[in-house]
Structure formats: structure tokens, C-alpha cells
């Protein structure tokens, strides 16, 4: 993953990278990149030699961080859909169905379902209300 960061001073203390299953998070103030819903799992494991690493090059495009990440052994091969940036940047809330202004889940059913309801009549001009 190549991230252009022209307005930042990068050091080990200002850079945060999180790899969590099918998600990649990069943070270095003021930049935040969160890629989720990758087509496979990512691995960050120093013991197996498959540890993610980041290299900062201040001379490339006024500052570029290149992050090398490894795919899980079962997910090695071509990953389709990496050019669909909108899908990769969806949050888990969007995955749960709050997308395009409509509340629904992956099955197309509403995310909130009314099981029962009662109509409650509230009279207007109620004289029992204290007016102070």
C-alpha cells in the first residue's frame, strides 16, 4: 500500500499501522486511512517472518509511506475488487446496512423491524398540566 503524506513529519512514534483480519488502518496525524472488507485476510506475524513493514521516503512526492503487508496463506492469489475504493472504505456500520440513506441489512430486510405497536392518543390543550 502506497500512501502519499506530503504534510507530515513521520517517525516511529507518530505512525500507527493496524492489521486486523480483512482490515488495514493507517494513522499519522493528520492522515487516517481505513481499508476494510478486503477480499481476503491479512497477516502480521513476526514469528513466521510475515510481519508488515513501513518505509517512509520524504523525497518521493513530497513524502510517501510504503507499507508491505502479507496475505494469509489460504488467501494467496489474485484479489479482485481492489480498485473499488468505495467498497474498501466502507465501515462496519455501512456493512450492517446503513447505506444510501436506507436502513437494511445484507438480506435486504429492514435493520429495524416493528414487532408490535399501539396508537397512543395525546389530547391537545390538556387542562391538567400546571402552568408556571
C-alpha atoms as a PDB file:
ATOM      1  CA  UNK A   1       0.000   0.000   0.000  1.00  0.00           C
ATOM      2  CA  UNK A   2       1.490   3.348  -1.007  1.00  0.00           C
ATOM      3  CA  UNK A   3       0.242   6.379   0.924  1.00  0.00           C
ATOM      4  CA  UNK A   4       1.157   9.922  -0.065  1.00  0.00           C
ATOM      5  CA  UNK A   5       1.645  12.107   3.044  1.00  0.00           C
ATOM      6  CA  UNK A   6       3.107  15.449   1.935  1.00  0.00           C
ATOM      7  CA  UNK A   7       2.342  17.437   5.091  1.00  0.00           C
ATOM      8  CA  UNK A   8       3.693  15.276   7.869  1.00  0.00           C
ATOM      9  CA  UNK A   9       6.883  14.528   9.737  1.00  0.00           C
ATOM     10  CA  UNK A  10       6.922  10.770  10.038  1.00  0.00           C
ATOM     11  CA  UNK A  11       8.703   8.942  12.819  1.00  0.00           C
ATOM     12  CA  UNK A  12       8.128   5.625  14.566  1.00  0.00           C
ATOM     13  CA  UNK A  13       6.248   7.436  17.358  1.00  0.00           C
ATOM     14  CA  UNK A  14       3.871   9.301  15.000  1.00  0.00           C
ATOM     15  CA  UNK A  15       2.978   6.378  12.733  1.00  0.00           C
ATOM     16  CA  UNK A  16       0.373   3.756  13.593  1.00  0.00           C
ATOM     17  CA  UNK A  17      -0.492   0.763  11.432  1.00  0.00           C
ATOM     18  CA  UNK A  18      -3.095  -1.814  12.455  1.00  0.00           C
ATOM     19  CA  UNK A  19      -3.774  -5.031  10.577  1.00  0.00           C
ATOM     20  CA  UNK A  20      -6.874  -6.891  11.689  1.00  0.00           C
ATOM     21  CA  UNK A  21      -8.044  -9.855   9.619  1.00  0.00           C
ATOM     22  CA  UNK A  22      -9.551  -8.209   6.491  1.00  0.00           C
ATOM     23  CA  UNK A  23      -8.867  -4.601   7.523  1.00  0.00           C
ATOM     24  CA  UNK A  24      -5.897  -2.221   7.282  1.00  0.00           C
ATOM     25  CA  UNK A  25      -5.675   1.033   9.276  1.00  0.00           C
ATOM     26  CA  UNK A  26      -3.011   3.723   8.844  1.00  0.00           C
ATOM     27  CA  UNK A  27      -2.727   6.820  11.033  1.00  0.00           C
ATOM     28  CA  UNK A  28      -0.175   9.619  11.104  1.00  0.00           C
ATOM     29  CA  UNK A  29      -1.633  12.973  12.095  1.00  0.00           C
ATOM     30  CA  UNK A  30      -3.424  14.493  10.181  1.00  0.00           C
ATOM     31  CA  UNK A  31      -3.879  11.421   7.943  1.00  0.00           C
ATOM     32  CA  UNK A  32      -6.179   8.450   8.515  1.00  0.00           C
ATOM     33  CA  UNK A  33      -6.723   5.640   6.029  1.00  0.00           C
ATOM     34  CA  UNK A  34      -9.025   2.763   6.879  1.00  0.00           C
ATOM     35  CA  UNK A  35      -9.484  -0.031   4.340  1.00  0.00           C
ATOM     36  CA  UNK A  36     -11.967  -2.727   5.302  1.00  0.00           C
ATOM     37  CA  UNK A  37     -13.734  -5.577   3.555  1.00  0.00           C
ATOM     38  CA  UNK A  38     -10.610  -6.750   1.763  1.00  0.00           C
ATOM     39  CA  UNK A  39     -11.253  -9.855  -0.362  1.00  0.00           C
ATOM     40  CA  UNK A  40      -9.086 -11.981   1.953  1.00  0.00           C
ATOM     41  CA  UNK A  41      -7.267 -11.986   5.268  1.00  0.00           C
ATOM     42  CA  UNK A  42      -4.046 -10.124   6.079  1.00  0.00           C
ATOM     43  CA  UNK A  43      -1.236 -11.418   8.294  1.00  0.00           C
ATOM     44  CA  UNK A  44       1.109  -9.508  10.611  1.00  0.00           C
ATOM     45  CA  UNK A  45       3.218 -12.138  12.361  1.00  0.00           C
ATOM     46  CA  UNK A  46       6.876 -11.546  13.228  1.00  0.00           C
ATOM     47  CA  UNK A  47       7.417 -15.163  14.298  1.00  0.00           C
ATOM     48  CA  UNK A  48       6.598 -16.529  10.844  1.00  0.00           C
ATOM     49  CA  UNK A  49       8.554 -13.775   9.074  1.00  0.00           C
ATOM     50  CA  UNK A  50       5.343 -12.314   7.669  1.00  0.00           C
ATOM     51  CA  UNK A  51       5.460  -9.028   9.548  1.00  0.00           C
ATOM     52  CA  UNK A  52       4.120  -5.836   7.997  1.00  0.00           C
ATOM     53  CA  UNK A  53       6.674  -3.091   7.497  1.00  0.00           C
ATOM     54  CA  UNK A  54       6.516   0.566   6.549  1.00  0.00           C
ATOM     55  CA  UNK A  55       9.127   2.686   4.784  1.00  0.00           C
ATOM     56  CA  UNK A  56       8.935   6.487   4.627  1.00  0.00           C
ATOM     57  CA  UNK A  57      10.515   8.243   1.630  1.00  0.00           C
ATOM     58  CA  UNK A  58      10.477  12.048   2.074  1.00  0.00           C
ATOM     59  CA  UNK A  59      11.814  12.675  -1.453  1.00  0.00           C
ATOM     60  CA  UNK A  60       9.054  10.752  -3.281  1.00  0.00           C
ATOM     61  CA  UNK A  61       6.024  13.024  -3.980  1.00  0.00           C
ATOM     62  CA  UNK A  62       6.990  15.254  -1.009  1.00  0.00           C
ATOM     63  CA  UNK A  63       6.540  12.298   1.350  1.00  0.00           C
ATOM     64  CA  UNK A  64       5.337   8.749   0.783  1.00  0.00           C
ATOM     65  CA  UNK A  65       4.833   5.821   3.141  1.00  0.00           C
ATOM     66  CA  UNK A  66       5.015   2.391   1.518  1.00  0.00           C
ATOM     67  CA  UNK A  67       3.524  -0.384   3.652  1.00  0.00           C
ATOM     68  CA  UNK A  68       4.249  -4.018   2.818  1.00  0.00           C
ATOM     69  CA  UNK A  69       1.553  -6.388   4.079  1.00  0.00           C
ATOM     70  CA  UNK A  70       1.312 -10.154   3.659  1.00  0.00           C
ATOM     71  CA  UNK A  71      -1.762 -12.139   2.646  1.00  0.00           C
ATOM     72  CA  UNK A  72      -2.851 -15.094   4.750  1.00  0.00           C
ATOM     73  CA  UNK A  73      -1.542 -18.377   3.258  1.00  0.00           C
ATOM     74  CA  UNK A  74      -5.050 -19.523   2.307  1.00  0.00           C
ATOM     75  CA  UNK A  75      -5.747 -16.214   0.533  1.00  0.00           C
ATOM     76  CA  UNK A  76      -2.647 -16.055  -1.676  1.00  0.00           C
ATOM     77  CA  UNK A  77      -3.509 -15.326  -5.278  1.00  0.00           C
ATOM     78  CA  UNK A  78      -5.302 -12.615  -7.228  1.00  0.00           C
ATOM     79  CA  UNK A  79      -7.607 -10.393  -5.152  1.00  0.00           C
ATOM     80  CA  UNK A  80     -10.421  -8.909  -7.200  1.00  0.00           C
ATOM     81  CA  UNK A  81     -12.137  -5.627  -6.401  1.00  0.00           C
ATOM     82  CA  UNK A  82      -9.140  -3.732  -5.026  1.00  0.00           C
ATOM     83  CA  UNK A  83      -9.899  -0.936  -7.481  1.00  0.00           C
ATOM     84  CA  UNK A  84     -13.325  -0.410  -5.858  1.00  0.00           C
ATOM     85  CA  UNK A  85     -12.095   2.119  -3.317  1.00  0.00           C
ATOM     86  CA  UNK A  86     -15.602   2.951  -2.087  1.00  0.00           C
ATOM     87  CA  UNK A  87     -16.196  -0.659  -1.066  1.00  0.00           C
ATOM     88  CA  UNK A  88     -12.835  -0.861   0.691  1.00  0.00           C
ATOM     89  CA  UNK A  89     -13.524   2.299   2.684  1.00  0.00           C
ATOM     90  CA  UNK A  90     -16.955   1.185   3.956  1.00  0.00           C
ATOM     91  CA  UNK A  91     -17.196   0.956   7.713  1.00  0.00           C
ATOM     92  CA  UNK A  92     -18.737  -1.915   9.595  1.00  0.00           C
ATOM     93  CA  UNK A  93     -21.799   0.292  10.149  1.00  0.00           C
ATOM     94  CA  UNK A  94     -22.232   0.506   6.385  1.00  0.00           C
ATOM     95  CA  UNK A  95     -21.824  -3.253   6.156  1.00  0.00           C
ATOM     96  CA  UNK A  96     -24.586  -3.628   8.727  1.00  0.00           C
ATOM     97  CA  UNK A  97     -26.959  -1.959   6.315  1.00  0.00           C
ATOM     98  CA  UNK A  98     -26.936   1.799   6.864  1.00  0.00           C
ATOM     99  CA  UNK A  99     -26.098   2.736   3.296  1.00  0.00           C
ATOM    100  CA  UNK A 100     -27.535   5.135   0.742  1.00  0.00           C
ATOM    101  CA  UNK A 101     -29.846   6.586   3.368  1.00  0.00           C
ATOM    102  CA  UNK A 102     -31.782   3.311   3.713  1.00  0.00           C
ATOM    103  CA  UNK A 103     -31.729   1.076   6.764  1.00  0.00           C
ATOM    104  CA  UNK A 104     -31.442  -2.541   5.677  1.00  0.00           C
ATOM    105  CA  UNK A 105     -29.124  -5.445   6.249  1.00  0.00           C
ATOM    106  CA  UNK A 106     -27.373  -7.726   3.769  1.00  0.00           C
ATOM    107  CA  UNK A 107     -30.540  -9.798   3.284  1.00  0.00           C
ATOM    108  CA  UNK A 108     -32.464  -6.696   2.173  1.00  0.00           C
ATOM    109  CA  UNK A 109     -34.758  -6.769   5.229  1.00  0.00           C
ATOM    110  CA  UNK A 110     -35.099  -3.625   7.321  1.00  0.00           C
ATOM    111  CA  UNK A 111     -32.444  -3.291  10.020  1.00  0.00           C
ATOM    112  CA  UNK A 112     -35.200  -2.289  12.462  1.00  0.00           C
ATOM    113  CA  UNK A 113     -38.410  -4.271  12.460  1.00  0.00           C
ATOM    114  CA  UNK A 114     -41.550  -3.258  14.391  1.00  0.00           C
ATOM    115  CA  UNK A 115     -42.933  -6.352  16.136  1.00  0.00           C
ATOM    116  CA  UNK A 116     -45.950  -4.658  17.722  1.00  0.00           C
ATOM    117  CA  UNK A 117     -47.211  -1.152  18.333  1.00  0.00           C
ATOM    118  CA  UNK A 118     -50.005   0.787  19.983  1.00  0.00           C
ATOM    119  CA  UNK A 119     -51.539   4.063  18.964  1.00  0.00           C
ATOM    120  CA  UNK A 120     -51.431   6.487  21.883  1.00  0.00           C
ATOM    121  CA  UNK A 121     -53.765   9.466  21.803  1.00  0.00           C
ATOM    122  CA  UNK A 122     -52.382  12.608  23.452  1.00  0.00           C
ATOM    123  CA  UNK A 123     -55.119  15.234  23.864  1.00  0.00           C
ATOM    124  CA  UNK A 124     -54.261  18.782  22.920  1.00  0.00           C
ATOM    125  CA  UNK A 125     -54.974  21.535  25.425  1.00  0.00           C
ATOM    126  CA  UNK A 126     -54.783  19.294  28.476  1.00  0.00           C
ATOM    127  CA  UNK A 127     -56.067  21.323  31.478  1.00  0.00           C
ATOM    128  CA  UNK A 128     -54.335  19.027  33.974  1.00  0.00           C
ATOM    129  CA  UNK A 129     -50.885  20.446  33.167  1.00  0.00           C
ATOM    130  CA  UNK A 130     -49.557  23.024  35.665  1.00  0.00           C
ATOM    131  CA  UNK A 131     -48.602  26.305  34.020  1.00  0.00           C
ATOM    132  CA  UNK A 132     -45.912  28.165  35.970  1.00  0.00           C
END
